[in-house]
C-alpha cells in the first residue's frame, strides 16, 4: 500500500516536468482514484485488532484466536511465565520469556485449526478421541483439537517434558474452553 502514495508523487512530478516544457499534462489524477493506504492503529501487544466500524461481538465467535485463552490459562498450561499473546490471522502465540524456561502455547481457530488437524492426520500422527469435549475432539502428544459451536480450535503446547505430563492439562483446558463456547 505504500506504493500508491509513491505512484501519485511520481505522476505529479512528471506532470510538473511536462508543464515546464509547455506540454499539456492531461487530467490531474485525484486521490479518490487511488486506493487509500491503511495504516494499522497502534495497540498494545496481545490486544486483538478490531475495526472501529465493526459492532462489538464475541471475540471467539469472530475468530479471534487470542480470545480463546487468557494469559493466565496459557501460563498455567505452560507451567511458566509467558510473553503477552501475539495474534497472526487465525493463530495466537504465547512465547516463553527469554529469561525463563523454554515454553510456548499456540492457539489456532477456524480453518487454521482444521488444517492443522488434517495435517497431523495426513502424516500419520496418533490422535485419540477425547470424549466430552465440544462436538468432536482429539488429543495427541502436545496438542488438542476440538470443535465447539461449529468452530474448530486447536491448542498446542511446546515444552521439553514427556508428553504424559502435558496430556491432562491439555484435556482440562480443552474442556474449559469448549464449555465457554
N, C-alpha and C. Protein backbone atom coordinates (compact mmCIF):
# COMPACT_ATOMS: atom_id res chain seq x y z
N UNK A 1 0.81 -1.19 0.00
CA UNK A 1 0.00 0.00 0.00
C UNK A 1 0.86 1.26 0.00
N UNK A 2 2.09 1.18 0.32
CA UNK A 2 2.99 2.33 0.30
C UNK A 2 3.20 2.78 -1.14
N UNK A 3 3.01 1.88 -2.08
CA UNK A 3 3.24 2.20 -3.49
C UNK A 3 2.27 3.25 -4.01
N UNK A 4 1.03 3.28 -3.51
CA UNK A 4 0.04 4.24 -4.02
C UNK A 4 0.50 5.68 -3.82
N UNK A 5 0.93 6.09 -2.62
CA UNK A 5 1.40 7.47 -2.47
C UNK A 5 2.65 7.74 -3.31
N UNK A 6 3.53 6.76 -3.44
CA UNK A 6 4.73 6.95 -4.26
C UNK A 6 4.37 7.12 -5.73
N UNK A 7 3.39 6.33 -6.19
CA UNK A 7 2.96 6.43 -7.58
C UNK A 7 2.34 7.81 -7.84
N UNK A 8 1.55 8.29 -6.90
CA UNK A 8 0.94 9.61 -7.04
C UNK A 8 2.01 10.69 -7.11
N UNK A 9 3.00 10.59 -6.27
CA UNK A 9 4.09 11.58 -6.27
C UNK A 9 4.84 11.54 -7.60
N UNK A 10 5.08 10.34 -8.13
CA UNK A 10 5.78 10.23 -9.41
C UNK A 10 4.97 10.85 -10.54
N UNK A 11 3.66 10.59 -10.57
CA UNK A 11 2.80 11.14 -11.62
C UNK A 11 2.78 12.67 -11.53
N UNK A 12 2.64 13.20 -10.33
CA UNK A 12 2.59 14.66 -10.18
C UNK A 12 3.93 15.28 -10.56
N UNK A 13 5.04 14.62 -10.23
CA UNK A 13 6.35 15.14 -10.60
C UNK A 13 6.51 15.17 -12.10
N UNK A 14 6.10 14.06 -12.77
CA UNK A 14 6.21 14.01 -14.23
C UNK A 14 5.30 15.05 -14.89
N UNK A 15 4.11 15.26 -14.33
CA UNK A 15 3.22 16.27 -14.89
C UNK A 15 3.84 17.65 -14.76
N UNK A 16 4.50 17.88 -13.65
CA UNK A 16 5.17 19.17 -13.46
C UNK A 16 6.25 19.37 -14.51
N UNK A 17 6.99 18.30 -14.84
CA UNK A 17 8.04 18.38 -15.87
C UNK A 17 7.42 18.68 -17.23
N UNK A 18 6.27 18.03 -17.53
CA UNK A 18 5.60 18.28 -18.80
C UNK A 18 5.12 19.73 -18.87
N UNK A 19 4.61 20.28 -17.77
CA UNK A 19 4.10 21.65 -17.76
C UNK A 19 5.24 22.63 -17.99
N UNK A 20 6.43 22.34 -17.45
CA UNK A 20 7.58 23.22 -17.64
C UNK A 20 7.97 23.26 -19.10
N UNK A 21 7.84 22.10 -19.77
CA UNK A 21 8.22 22.03 -21.18
C UNK A 21 7.11 22.52 -22.09
N UNK A 22 6.01 23.02 -21.53
CA UNK A 22 4.94 23.59 -22.33
C UNK A 22 3.95 22.56 -22.83
N UNK A 23 4.01 21.35 -22.36
CA UNK A 23 3.07 20.32 -22.80
C UNK A 23 1.89 20.27 -21.85
N UNK A 24 0.75 19.90 -22.40
CA UNK A 24 -0.44 19.74 -21.57
C UNK A 24 -0.32 18.39 -20.84
N UNK A 25 -0.30 18.42 -19.54
CA UNK A 25 -0.13 17.17 -18.80
C UNK A 25 -1.37 16.29 -18.80
N UNK A 26 -2.49 16.77 -19.31
CA UNK A 26 -3.71 15.96 -19.29
C UNK A 26 -4.43 16.12 -17.96
N UNK A 27 -5.43 15.29 -17.75
CA UNK A 27 -6.18 15.42 -16.50
C UNK A 27 -5.31 15.07 -15.29
N UNK A 28 -5.54 15.80 -14.21
CA UNK A 28 -4.80 15.56 -12.98
C UNK A 28 -5.50 14.48 -12.18
N UNK A 29 -4.77 13.43 -11.80
CA UNK A 29 -5.43 12.36 -11.03
C UNK A 29 -5.79 12.87 -9.64
N UNK A 30 -6.87 12.34 -9.14
CA UNK A 30 -7.27 12.69 -7.78
C UNK A 30 -6.95 11.53 -6.85
N UNK A 31 -6.85 11.83 -5.60
CA UNK A 31 -6.57 10.76 -4.65
C UNK A 31 -7.75 9.82 -4.51
N UNK A 32 -8.96 10.25 -4.98
CA UNK A 32 -10.11 9.36 -4.92
C UNK A 32 -9.93 8.17 -5.86
N UNK A 33 -9.16 8.32 -6.91
CA UNK A 33 -8.96 7.25 -7.88
C UNK A 33 -7.94 6.24 -7.40
N UNK A 34 -7.16 6.60 -6.42
CA UNK A 34 -6.14 5.69 -5.92
C UNK A 34 -6.60 5.02 -4.64
N UNK A 35 -6.17 3.76 -4.45
CA UNK A 35 -6.55 3.12 -3.19
C UNK A 35 -5.87 3.83 -2.03
N UNK A 36 -6.61 4.00 -0.96
CA UNK A 36 -6.01 4.68 0.18
C UNK A 36 -5.28 3.66 1.03
N UNK A 37 -4.08 4.01 1.45
CA UNK A 37 -3.34 3.07 2.29
C UNK A 37 -4.00 2.98 3.65
N UNK A 38 -3.97 1.78 4.21
CA UNK A 38 -4.49 1.62 5.56
C UNK A 38 -3.32 1.49 6.50
N UNK A 39 -3.32 2.32 7.50
CA UNK A 39 -2.26 2.30 8.49
C UNK A 39 -2.85 1.71 9.76
N UNK A 40 -2.31 0.56 10.21
CA UNK A 40 -2.89 -0.03 11.41
C UNK A 40 -2.70 0.87 12.61
N UNK A 41 -3.73 0.94 13.43
CA UNK A 41 -3.65 1.74 14.65
C UNK A 41 -2.72 1.06 15.64
N UNK A 42 -2.02 1.87 16.40
CA UNK A 42 -1.15 1.32 17.44
C UNK A 42 -2.03 0.69 18.52
N UNK A 43 -1.65 -0.52 18.96
CA UNK A 43 -2.36 -1.15 20.06
C UNK A 43 -1.37 -1.93 20.88
N UNK A 44 -1.67 -2.11 22.14
CA UNK A 44 -0.75 -2.86 22.99
C UNK A 44 -0.60 -4.29 22.48
N UNK A 45 0.60 -4.91 22.67
CA UNK A 45 0.78 -6.29 22.23
C UNK A 45 -0.25 -7.19 22.88
N UNK A 46 -0.78 -8.11 22.08
CA UNK A 46 -1.74 -9.07 22.59
C UNK A 46 -3.18 -8.60 22.54
N UNK A 47 -3.39 -7.31 22.27
CA UNK A 47 -4.76 -6.81 22.18
C UNK A 47 -5.24 -7.05 20.76
N UNK A 48 -6.38 -7.75 20.58
CA UNK A 48 -6.84 -8.08 19.24
C UNK A 48 -7.24 -6.85 18.44
N UNK A 49 -7.03 -6.92 17.14
CA UNK A 49 -7.43 -5.83 16.25
C UNK A 49 -8.94 -5.88 16.07
N UNK A 50 -9.58 -4.72 16.03
CA UNK A 50 -11.00 -4.66 15.77
C UNK A 50 -11.27 -3.37 15.02
N UNK A 51 -11.99 -3.49 13.94
CA UNK A 51 -12.34 -2.33 13.15
C UNK A 51 -13.29 -1.45 13.96
N UNK A 52 -13.06 -0.10 13.95
CA UNK A 52 -13.93 0.77 14.72
C UNK A 52 -15.37 0.73 14.24
N UNK A 53 -15.60 0.38 12.97
CA UNK A 53 -16.96 0.36 12.44
C UNK A 53 -17.65 -0.97 12.71
N UNK A 54 -16.89 -1.99 13.17
CA UNK A 54 -17.48 -3.28 13.46
C UNK A 54 -18.26 -3.22 14.75
N UNK A 55 -19.44 -3.82 14.76
CA UNK A 55 -20.15 -3.89 16.03
C UNK A 55 -19.41 -4.85 16.95
N UNK A 56 -19.53 -4.63 18.24
CA UNK A 56 -18.86 -5.50 19.19
C UNK A 56 -19.51 -6.87 19.14
N UNK A 57 -18.71 -7.92 19.03
CA UNK A 57 -19.22 -9.27 19.03
C UNK A 57 -18.27 -10.15 19.79
N UNK A 58 -18.70 -11.32 20.10
CA UNK A 58 -17.88 -12.24 20.87
C UNK A 58 -16.58 -12.50 20.12
N UNK A 59 -15.41 -12.23 20.74
CA UNK A 59 -14.15 -12.38 20.04
C UNK A 59 -13.91 -13.78 19.52
N UNK A 60 -14.28 -14.81 20.29
CA UNK A 60 -14.07 -16.17 19.82
C UNK A 60 -14.99 -16.47 18.65
N UNK A 61 -16.24 -15.99 18.74
CA UNK A 61 -17.17 -16.20 17.65
C UNK A 61 -16.67 -15.50 16.39
N UNK A 62 -15.97 -14.40 16.55
CA UNK A 62 -15.45 -13.67 15.40
C UNK A 62 -14.15 -14.28 14.89
N UNK A 63 -13.65 -15.33 15.56
CA UNK A 63 -12.44 -15.98 15.10
C UNK A 63 -11.17 -15.41 15.71
N UNK A 64 -11.27 -14.67 16.79
CA UNK A 64 -10.10 -14.09 17.42
C UNK A 64 -9.37 -15.16 18.23
N UNK A 65 -8.24 -15.65 17.76
CA UNK A 65 -7.55 -16.73 18.45
C UNK A 65 -7.01 -16.34 19.82
N UNK A 66 -6.71 -15.07 20.03
CA UNK A 66 -6.16 -14.64 21.32
C UNK A 66 -7.23 -14.51 22.39
N UNK A 67 -8.50 -14.59 22.00
CA UNK A 67 -9.59 -14.55 22.97
C UNK A 67 -9.95 -15.94 23.46
N UNK A 68 -9.34 -16.97 22.88
CA UNK A 68 -9.65 -18.34 23.27
C UNK A 68 -9.13 -18.63 24.67
N UNK A 69 -7.90 -18.22 24.96
CA UNK A 69 -7.26 -18.45 26.26
C UNK A 69 -6.91 -17.12 26.90
N UNK A 70 -6.94 -17.10 28.20
CA UNK A 70 -6.42 -15.94 28.90
C UNK A 70 -4.91 -16.12 29.07
N UNK A 71 -4.24 -15.05 29.39
CA UNK A 71 -2.80 -15.12 29.67
C UNK A 71 -2.55 -16.12 30.81
N UNK A 72 -3.38 -16.05 31.83
CA UNK A 72 -3.23 -16.94 32.99
C UNK A 72 -3.40 -18.40 32.60
N UNK A 73 -4.38 -18.70 31.73
CA UNK A 73 -4.60 -20.09 31.30
C UNK A 73 -3.41 -20.60 30.49
N UNK A 74 -2.87 -19.75 29.62
CA UNK A 74 -1.71 -20.15 28.83
C UNK A 74 -0.51 -20.41 29.74
N UNK A 75 -0.31 -19.55 30.73
CA UNK A 75 0.82 -19.72 31.65
C UNK A 75 0.65 -20.95 32.53
N UNK A 76 -0.58 -21.24 32.94
CA UNK A 76 -0.83 -22.45 33.74
C UNK A 76 -0.53 -23.69 32.90
N UNK A 77 -0.96 -23.68 31.64
CA UNK A 77 -0.70 -24.81 30.75
C UNK A 77 0.80 -25.00 30.55
N UNK A 78 1.52 -23.91 30.32
CA UNK A 78 2.96 -23.98 30.07
C UNK A 78 3.76 -24.18 31.34
N UNK A 79 3.12 -24.00 32.49
CA UNK A 79 3.80 -24.06 33.78
C UNK A 79 4.98 -23.10 33.80
N UNK A 80 4.75 -21.92 33.23
CA UNK A 80 5.81 -20.92 33.10
C UNK A 80 5.21 -19.56 32.77
N UNK A 81 5.91 -18.49 33.12
CA UNK A 81 5.51 -17.14 32.69
C UNK A 81 5.72 -17.05 31.18
N UNK A 82 4.81 -16.34 30.50
CA UNK A 82 4.88 -16.20 29.05
C UNK A 82 4.75 -14.73 28.67
N UNK A 83 5.28 -14.41 27.50
CA UNK A 83 5.09 -13.07 26.94
C UNK A 83 3.62 -12.92 26.56
N UNK A 84 3.14 -11.68 26.43
CA UNK A 84 1.75 -11.47 26.00
C UNK A 84 1.48 -12.10 24.64
N UNK A 85 0.23 -12.38 24.41
CA UNK A 85 -0.21 -13.03 23.18
C UNK A 85 0.16 -12.22 21.94
N UNK A 86 0.54 -12.92 20.89
CA UNK A 86 0.84 -12.31 19.60
C UNK A 86 -0.09 -12.92 18.55
N UNK A 87 -1.09 -12.16 18.08
CA UNK A 87 -2.00 -12.69 17.06
C UNK A 87 -1.41 -12.60 15.66
N UNK A 88 -1.79 -13.55 14.82
CA UNK A 88 -1.46 -13.52 13.40
C UNK A 88 -2.53 -14.31 12.69
N UNK A 89 -3.39 -13.63 11.98
CA UNK A 89 -4.51 -14.24 11.27
C UNK A 89 -5.32 -15.10 12.24
N UNK A 90 -5.43 -16.40 11.97
CA UNK A 90 -6.23 -17.29 12.80
C UNK A 90 -5.38 -18.03 13.84
N UNK A 91 -4.24 -17.46 14.20
CA UNK A 91 -3.38 -18.07 15.20
C UNK A 91 -3.01 -17.05 16.28
N UNK A 92 -2.61 -17.58 17.42
CA UNK A 92 -2.17 -16.74 18.52
C UNK A 92 -1.06 -17.50 19.24
N UNK A 93 0.03 -16.82 19.56
CA UNK A 93 1.17 -17.48 20.18
C UNK A 93 1.58 -16.75 21.45
N UNK A 94 1.75 -17.53 22.49
CA UNK A 94 2.31 -17.06 23.76
C UNK A 94 3.70 -17.71 23.86
N UNK A 95 4.74 -16.92 23.84
CA UNK A 95 6.09 -17.49 23.91
C UNK A 95 6.67 -17.30 25.30
N UNK A 96 7.58 -18.20 25.65
CA UNK A 96 8.24 -18.13 26.94
C UNK A 96 9.13 -16.91 27.04
N UNK A 97 9.30 -16.43 28.24
CA UNK A 97 10.18 -15.29 28.47
C UNK A 97 11.62 -15.67 28.15
N UNK A 98 12.39 -14.74 27.66
CA UNK A 98 13.79 -15.00 27.34
C UNK A 98 14.56 -15.44 28.58
N UNK A 99 14.16 -14.97 29.73
CA UNK A 99 14.86 -15.30 30.98
C UNK A 99 14.36 -16.59 31.62
N UNK A 100 13.30 -17.17 31.07
CA UNK A 100 12.69 -18.33 31.71
C UNK A 100 12.93 -19.62 30.95
N UNK A 101 12.25 -20.68 31.37
CA UNK A 101 12.37 -21.96 30.67
C UNK A 101 11.71 -21.88 29.29
N UNK A 102 12.12 -22.75 28.42
CA UNK A 102 11.58 -22.79 27.07
C UNK A 102 10.15 -23.32 27.10
N UNK A 103 9.21 -22.52 26.63
CA UNK A 103 7.80 -22.92 26.60
C UNK A 103 7.07 -22.06 25.57
N UNK A 104 6.04 -22.63 24.98
CA UNK A 104 5.23 -21.88 24.02
C UNK A 104 3.85 -22.50 23.96
N UNK A 105 2.83 -21.64 23.88
CA UNK A 105 1.45 -22.09 23.71
C UNK A 105 0.94 -21.44 22.43
N UNK A 106 0.40 -22.28 21.55
CA UNK A 106 -0.14 -21.80 20.27
C UNK A 106 -1.62 -22.12 20.21
N UNK A 107 -2.39 -21.19 19.69
CA UNK A 107 -3.84 -21.36 19.54
C UNK A 107 -4.17 -21.15 18.07
N UNK A 108 -4.97 -22.05 17.54
CA UNK A 108 -5.43 -21.95 16.16
C UNK A 108 -6.95 -22.00 16.18
N UNK A 109 -7.60 -21.20 15.34
CA UNK A 109 -9.06 -21.23 15.24
C UNK A 109 -9.48 -21.35 13.79
N UNK A 110 -10.70 -21.80 13.58
CA UNK A 110 -11.27 -21.86 12.25
C UNK A 110 -10.53 -22.78 11.31
N UNK A 111 -10.32 -22.31 10.08
CA UNK A 111 -9.65 -23.12 9.06
C UNK A 111 -8.23 -23.50 9.47
N UNK A 112 -7.54 -22.60 10.17
CA UNK A 112 -6.17 -22.91 10.61
C UNK A 112 -6.15 -24.12 11.54
N UNK A 113 -7.11 -24.18 12.46
CA UNK A 113 -7.19 -25.32 13.38
C UNK A 113 -7.53 -26.59 12.62
N UNK A 114 -8.48 -26.50 11.72
CA UNK A 114 -8.89 -27.69 10.94
C UNK A 114 -7.75 -28.15 10.04
N UNK A 115 -7.04 -27.23 9.41
CA UNK A 115 -5.91 -27.60 8.56
C UNK A 115 -4.79 -28.25 9.36
N UNK A 116 -4.55 -27.76 10.57
CA UNK A 116 -3.54 -28.35 11.44
C UNK A 116 -3.93 -29.79 11.79
N UNK A 117 -5.20 -30.01 12.14
CA UNK A 117 -5.69 -31.35 12.44
C UNK A 117 -5.53 -32.25 11.22
N UNK A 118 -5.94 -31.79 10.05
CA UNK A 118 -5.81 -32.58 8.83
C UNK A 118 -4.36 -32.92 8.52
N UNK A 119 -3.46 -31.98 8.75
CA UNK A 119 -2.03 -32.22 8.50
C UNK A 119 -1.50 -33.29 9.46
N UNK A 120 -1.89 -33.23 10.72
CA UNK A 120 -1.45 -34.23 11.70
C UNK A 120 -1.95 -35.62 11.31
N UNK A 121 -3.21 -35.70 10.87
CA UNK A 121 -3.75 -36.98 10.39
C UNK A 121 -2.99 -37.45 9.15
N UNK A 122 -2.73 -36.51 8.26
CA UNK A 122 -2.08 -36.84 6.99
C UNK A 122 -0.67 -37.41 7.16
N UNK A 123 0.03 -36.99 8.19
CA UNK A 123 1.39 -37.51 8.39
C UNK A 123 1.41 -38.69 9.36
N UNK A 124 0.20 -39.18 9.70
CA UNK A 124 0.10 -40.39 10.49
C UNK A 124 0.28 -40.24 11.99
N UNK A 125 0.14 -39.05 12.53
CA UNK A 125 0.24 -38.88 13.98
C UNK A 125 -0.96 -39.56 14.65
N UNK A 126 -0.70 -40.14 15.80
CA UNK A 126 -1.74 -40.84 16.54
C UNK A 126 -2.63 -39.83 17.27
N UNK A 127 -3.90 -39.84 16.91
CA UNK A 127 -4.88 -38.95 17.53
C UNK A 127 -5.87 -39.80 18.31
N UNK A 128 -6.05 -39.47 19.57
CA UNK A 128 -7.00 -40.20 20.41
C UNK A 128 -8.27 -39.38 20.55
N UNK A 129 -9.44 -40.03 20.38
CA UNK A 129 -10.68 -39.30 20.62
C UNK A 129 -10.73 -38.80 22.07
N UNK A 130 -11.28 -37.64 22.25
CA UNK A 130 -11.38 -37.04 23.57
C UNK A 130 -12.87 -36.80 23.85
N UNK A 131 -13.52 -37.78 24.49
CA UNK A 131 -14.97 -37.66 24.72
C UNK A 131 -15.30 -36.55 25.70
N UNK A 132 -16.49 -35.97 25.51
CA UNK A 132 -16.99 -34.97 26.44
C UNK A 132 -16.46 -33.57 26.23
N UNK A 133 -15.77 -33.34 25.12
CA UNK A 133 -15.24 -32.01 24.81
C UNK A 133 -15.85 -31.54 23.49
N UNK A 134 -16.72 -30.55 23.58
CA UNK A 134 -17.33 -30.00 22.37
C UNK A 134 -18.10 -31.04 21.58
N UNK A 135 -18.23 -30.79 20.28
CA UNK A 135 -18.94 -31.71 19.40
C UNK A 135 -18.05 -32.85 18.92
N UNK A 136 -16.75 -32.61 18.93
CA UNK A 136 -15.77 -33.58 18.45
C UNK A 136 -14.41 -33.12 18.97
N UNK A 137 -13.60 -34.06 19.44
CA UNK A 137 -12.31 -33.65 20.00
C UNK A 137 -11.30 -34.79 19.89
N UNK A 138 -10.02 -34.39 19.74
CA UNK A 138 -8.92 -35.34 19.61
C UNK A 138 -7.71 -34.79 20.38
N UNK A 139 -6.93 -35.73 20.87
CA UNK A 139 -5.73 -35.38 21.62
C UNK A 139 -4.56 -36.12 21.02
N UNK A 140 -3.43 -35.45 20.91
CA UNK A 140 -2.18 -36.09 20.53
C UNK A 140 -1.09 -35.51 21.41
N UNK A 141 0.09 -36.03 21.33
CA UNK A 141 1.18 -35.53 22.15
C UNK A 141 1.39 -34.04 21.91
N UNK A 142 1.10 -33.24 22.92
CA UNK A 142 1.34 -31.80 22.85
C UNK A 142 0.26 -30.96 22.23
N UNK A 143 -0.81 -31.58 21.71
CA UNK A 143 -1.87 -30.79 21.06
C UNK A 143 -3.24 -31.38 21.34
N UNK A 144 -4.22 -30.49 21.33
CA UNK A 144 -5.62 -30.90 21.43
C UNK A 144 -6.39 -30.17 20.32
N UNK A 145 -7.32 -30.88 19.71
CA UNK A 145 -8.15 -30.34 18.62
C UNK A 145 -9.60 -30.56 19.02
N UNK A 146 -10.44 -29.54 18.91
CA UNK A 146 -11.85 -29.76 19.21
C UNK A 146 -12.71 -28.78 18.43
N UNK A 147 -13.96 -29.22 18.24
CA UNK A 147 -14.96 -28.39 17.56
C UNK A 147 -16.04 -28.08 18.57
N UNK A 148 -16.28 -26.80 18.80
CA UNK A 148 -17.31 -26.35 19.73
C UNK A 148 -18.08 -25.23 19.06
N UNK A 149 -19.38 -25.30 19.14
CA UNK A 149 -20.27 -24.32 18.47
C UNK A 149 -19.93 -24.20 17.00
N UNK A 150 -19.56 -25.33 16.40
CA UNK A 150 -19.28 -25.38 14.97
C UNK A 150 -17.92 -24.85 14.56
N UNK A 151 -17.11 -24.41 15.49
CA UNK A 151 -15.80 -23.83 15.16
C UNK A 151 -14.67 -24.73 15.68
N UNK A 152 -13.69 -24.99 14.81
CA UNK A 152 -12.53 -25.78 15.21
C UNK A 152 -11.55 -24.91 15.97
N UNK A 153 -11.00 -25.48 17.03
CA UNK A 153 -9.98 -24.81 17.84
C UNK A 153 -8.90 -25.85 18.12
N UNK A 154 -7.67 -25.40 18.08
CA UNK A 154 -6.55 -26.26 18.45
C UNK A 154 -5.65 -25.50 19.40
N UNK A 155 -5.16 -26.22 20.40
CA UNK A 155 -4.21 -25.65 21.35
C UNK A 155 -2.99 -26.56 21.35
N UNK A 156 -1.84 -25.98 21.13
CA UNK A 156 -0.59 -26.74 21.08
C UNK A 156 0.34 -26.21 22.17
N UNK A 157 0.93 -27.14 22.88
CA UNK A 157 1.88 -26.81 23.93
C UNK A 157 3.25 -27.33 23.55
N UNK A 158 4.24 -26.45 23.57
CA UNK A 158 5.62 -26.83 23.27
C UNK A 158 6.41 -26.67 24.56
N UNK A 159 6.86 -27.79 25.10
CA UNK A 159 7.68 -27.81 26.32
C UNK A 159 8.60 -29.01 26.26
N UNK A 160 9.72 -28.91 26.92
CA UNK A 160 10.68 -30.02 26.94
C UNK A 160 10.39 -30.95 28.11
N UNK A 161 9.21 -31.56 28.06
CA UNK A 161 8.82 -32.52 29.09
C UNK A 161 8.17 -33.71 28.38
N UNK A 162 8.12 -34.87 29.04
CA UNK A 162 7.45 -36.02 28.43
C UNK A 162 5.98 -35.72 28.14
N UNK A 163 5.44 -36.21 27.03
CA UNK A 163 4.04 -35.94 26.66
C UNK A 163 3.03 -36.33 27.74
N UNK A 164 3.33 -37.33 28.54
CA UNK A 164 2.41 -37.73 29.60
C UNK A 164 2.15 -36.60 30.59
N UNK A 165 3.12 -35.71 30.76
CA UNK A 165 2.96 -34.59 31.70
C UNK A 165 2.03 -33.50 31.16
N UNK A 166 1.83 -33.47 29.86
CA UNK A 166 1.01 -32.40 29.27
C UNK A 166 -0.39 -32.87 28.90
N UNK A 167 -0.62 -34.18 28.91
CA UNK A 167 -1.90 -34.73 28.48
C UNK A 167 -3.06 -34.19 29.33
N UNK A 168 -3.00 -34.34 30.62
CA UNK A 168 -4.10 -33.92 31.49
C UNK A 168 -4.32 -32.40 31.45
N UNK A 169 -3.27 -31.58 31.53
CA UNK A 169 -3.51 -30.13 31.42
C UNK A 169 -4.14 -29.73 30.09
N UNK A 170 -3.76 -30.37 28.98
CA UNK A 170 -4.38 -30.06 27.68
C UNK A 170 -5.85 -30.47 27.68
N UNK A 171 -6.16 -31.66 28.21
CA UNK A 171 -7.55 -32.11 28.28
C UNK A 171 -8.39 -31.14 29.11
N UNK A 172 -7.88 -30.78 30.28
CA UNK A 172 -8.61 -29.87 31.18
C UNK A 172 -8.87 -28.52 30.52
N UNK A 173 -7.85 -27.98 29.86
CA UNK A 173 -8.01 -26.69 29.21
C UNK A 173 -9.00 -26.77 28.05
N UNK A 174 -8.96 -27.85 27.28
CA UNK A 174 -9.91 -28.03 26.18
C UNK A 174 -11.34 -28.08 26.71
N UNK A 175 -11.55 -28.78 27.82
CA UNK A 175 -12.89 -28.84 28.41
C UNK A 175 -13.35 -27.44 28.84
N UNK A 176 -12.45 -26.69 29.46
CA UNK A 176 -12.76 -25.33 29.93
C UNK A 176 -13.14 -24.43 28.75
N UNK A 177 -12.31 -24.45 27.72
CA UNK A 177 -12.56 -23.58 26.56
C UNK A 177 -13.83 -23.98 25.83
N UNK A 178 -14.04 -25.28 25.63
CA UNK A 178 -15.24 -25.75 24.92
C UNK A 178 -16.50 -25.39 25.72
N UNK A 179 -16.44 -25.46 27.03
CA UNK A 179 -17.60 -25.12 27.86
C UNK A 179 -17.98 -23.65 27.76
N UNK A 180 -17.02 -22.78 27.46
CA UNK A 180 -17.30 -21.34 27.31
C UNK A 180 -17.98 -21.02 25.99
N UNK A 181 -17.95 -21.93 25.07
CA UNK A 181 -18.48 -21.67 23.72
C UNK A 181 -19.95 -21.80 23.75
